[in-house]
Amino acid sequence: MARATAHPNHQCISSEDIQGTKVYGADGKNIGEVDHLIIDKVSGRVAYAVMSFGGFVGLGHSHYPIPWGALTFDTSLDGFRTNITEQQLKDAPEFSDDSWQDRDWETRTHRYYGMPTYWEGRGGL
């Protein structure tokens, strides 16, 4: 993970530093990386981490938003751990750029991953 803004001994991290952070499944296998974050403009909470996986040399990779609450930072991996599988990502509710304006899509996505919504529960920071 690149370090744009180092925060040693703190729990805060720059959003730049999260981009490219590896994501590992419960079995410890790398299933992708964080491409970017989606932040709720009103509350300021991180709502989603958009994961990238697949492809070769940056081509053909897929992007999948997952609820931020589905990730836990694992210091031993220097990356995020999740119980979400690569197959779950592939089978997730269909996503398009219009999905961000569709609360029903967001609700379906959170339910699909078994997470509380960020606007009702602890799904975001």
Protein backbone atom coordinates (compact mmCIF):
# COMPACT_ATOMS: atom_id res chain seq x y z
CA MET A 1 0.00 0.00 0.00
CA ALA A 2 1.43 3.38 -0.96
CA ARG A 3 1.70 5.93 1.81
CA ALA A 4 0.57 9.37 0.65
CA THR A 5 0.05 10.63 4.17
CA ALA A 6 1.63 8.56 6.93
CA HIS A 7 -0.29 8.29 10.17
CA PRO A 8 1.88 6.00 12.31
CA ASN A 9 0.34 4.91 15.59
CA HIS A 10 -3.03 6.43 14.65
CA GLN A 11 -6.25 4.87 13.46
CA CYS A 12 -6.81 7.52 10.79
CA ILE A 13 -5.69 7.00 7.21
CA SER A 14 -5.76 9.12 4.09
CA SER A 15 -8.24 8.00 1.44
CA GLU A 16 -5.28 7.99 -0.98
CA ASP A 17 -3.65 5.30 1.15
CA ILE A 18 -6.72 3.06 1.00
CA GLN A 19 -6.73 3.01 -2.79
CA GLY A 20 -4.90 -0.12 -3.88
CA THR A 21 -5.10 -1.82 -0.47
CA LYS A 22 -5.52 -5.56 -0.90
CA VAL A 23 -8.70 -7.31 0.27
CA TYR A 24 -8.49 -10.86 1.60
CA GLY A 25 -11.25 -13.40 2.07
CA ALA A 26 -11.81 -15.28 5.33
CA ASP A 27 -9.43 -17.97 4.03
CA GLY A 28 -6.63 -15.40 3.64
CA LYS A 29 -6.74 -15.50 -0.18
CA ASN A 30 -6.39 -12.16 -1.96
CA ILE A 31 -9.72 -11.49 -3.70
CA GLY A 32 -9.02 -7.98 -4.98
CA GLU A 33 -8.17 -4.48 -3.90
CA VAL A 34 -9.91 -1.25 -2.98
CA ASP A 35 -10.23 0.99 -6.04
CA HIS A 36 -11.93 3.91 -4.31
CA LEU A 37 -14.38 4.86 -1.56
CA ILE A 38 -17.92 6.21 -1.77
CA ILE A 39 -18.76 8.72 0.96
CA ASP A 40 -22.25 9.86 1.93
CA LYS A 41 -22.17 13.63 1.33
CA VAL A 42 -24.64 14.47 4.09
CA SER A 43 -23.37 12.32 6.97
CA GLY A 44 -19.72 12.16 5.91
CA ARG A 45 -19.71 8.39 6.50
CA VAL A 46 -17.87 6.00 4.24
CA ALA A 47 -20.69 4.04 2.61
CA TYR A 48 -18.86 1.69 0.22
CA ALA A 49 -15.46 0.47 -0.78
CA VAL A 50 -15.46 -0.15 -4.51
CA MET A 51 -13.42 -3.29 -5.05
CA SER A 52 -11.52 -4.13 -8.18
CA PHE A 53 -10.58 -7.67 -9.13
CA GLY A 54 -9.79 -9.80 -12.14
CA GLY A 55 -8.22 -8.73 -15.36
CA PHE A 56 -4.63 -8.71 -16.49
CA VAL A 57 -2.24 -5.75 -16.43
CA GLY A 58 -5.10 -3.42 -15.49
CA LEU A 59 -7.36 -4.55 -18.34
CA GLY A 60 -10.66 -6.35 -17.96
CA HIS A 61 -10.97 -5.89 -14.22
CA SER A 62 -14.39 -5.50 -12.60
CA HIS A 63 -15.60 -3.02 -9.99
CA TYR A 64 -17.97 -3.99 -7.20
CA PRO A 65 -19.17 -1.71 -4.40
CA ILE A 66 -19.35 -3.48 -1.05
CA PRO A 67 -20.60 -2.01 2.23
CA TRP A 68 -17.72 -0.42 4.13
CA GLY A 69 -18.81 -2.29 7.27
CA ALA A 70 -18.01 -5.59 5.51
CA LEU A 71 -14.27 -4.81 5.72
CA THR A 72 -11.99 -5.07 8.74
CA PHE A 73 -8.39 -3.90 8.61
CA ASP A 74 -5.96 -6.70 9.47
CA THR A 75 -2.57 -5.33 10.53
CA SER A 76 -0.88 -8.70 9.97
CA LEU A 77 -1.89 -8.56 6.29
CA ASP A 78 -1.57 -4.79 5.94
CA GLY A 79 -4.90 -5.10 4.15
CA PHE A 80 -8.61 -5.60 4.65
CA ARG A 81 -10.24 -8.89 5.53
CA THR A 82 -13.85 -9.74 4.64
CA ASN A 83 -16.17 -12.73 4.76
CA ILE A 84 -17.37 -11.86 1.24
CA THR A 85 -16.23 -14.35 -1.38
CA GLU A 86 -15.16 -13.67 -4.93
CA GLN A 87 -18.25 -15.59 -6.10
CA GLN A 88 -20.51 -13.36 -3.99
CA LEU A 89 -18.95 -10.34 -5.68
CA LYS A 90 -19.67 -11.82 -9.11
CA ASP A 91 -23.28 -12.62 -8.11
CA ALA A 92 -23.97 -9.26 -6.39
CA PRO A 93 -26.89 -7.02 -7.38
CA GLU A 94 -26.21 -5.44 -10.76
CA PHE A 95 -24.48 -2.09 -10.48
CA SER A 96 -24.50 0.97 -12.74
CA ASP A 97 -23.58 4.62 -12.26
CA ASP A 98 -27.28 5.33 -11.63
CA SER A 99 -27.32 2.93 -8.67
CA TRP A 100 -26.01 5.65 -6.32
CA GLN A 101 -29.33 7.45 -6.70
CA ASP A 102 -31.39 4.33 -5.99
CA ARG A 103 -31.99 3.65 -2.28
CA ASP A 104 -33.68 0.34 -3.19
CA TRP A 105 -30.45 -0.82 -4.89
CA GLU A 106 -28.47 0.19 -1.81
CA THR A 107 -30.87 -1.68 0.48
CA ARG A 108 -30.72 -4.82 -1.71
CA THR A 109 -26.92 -4.65 -1.77
CA HIS A 110 -26.60 -4.35 2.01
CA ARG A 111 -29.08 -7.20 2.53
CA TYR A 112 -27.25 -9.35 -0.04
CA TYR A 113 -24.03 -9.00 1.95
CA GLY A 114 -25.81 -9.37 5.31
CA MET A 115 -24.83 -5.89 6.45
CA PRO A 116 -26.87 -3.13 8.10
CA THR A 117 -27.31 -0.09 5.91
CA TYR A 118 -24.96 2.80 6.61
CA TRP A 119 -27.92 5.15 7.11
CA GLU A 120 -29.65 2.88 9.67
CA GLY A 121 -26.84 1.02 11.37
CA ARG A 122 -23.09 0.85 11.79
CA GLY A 123 -22.37 0.15 8.12
CA GLY A 124 -20.15 3.24 7.67
CA LEU A 125 -17.68 5.32 9.61
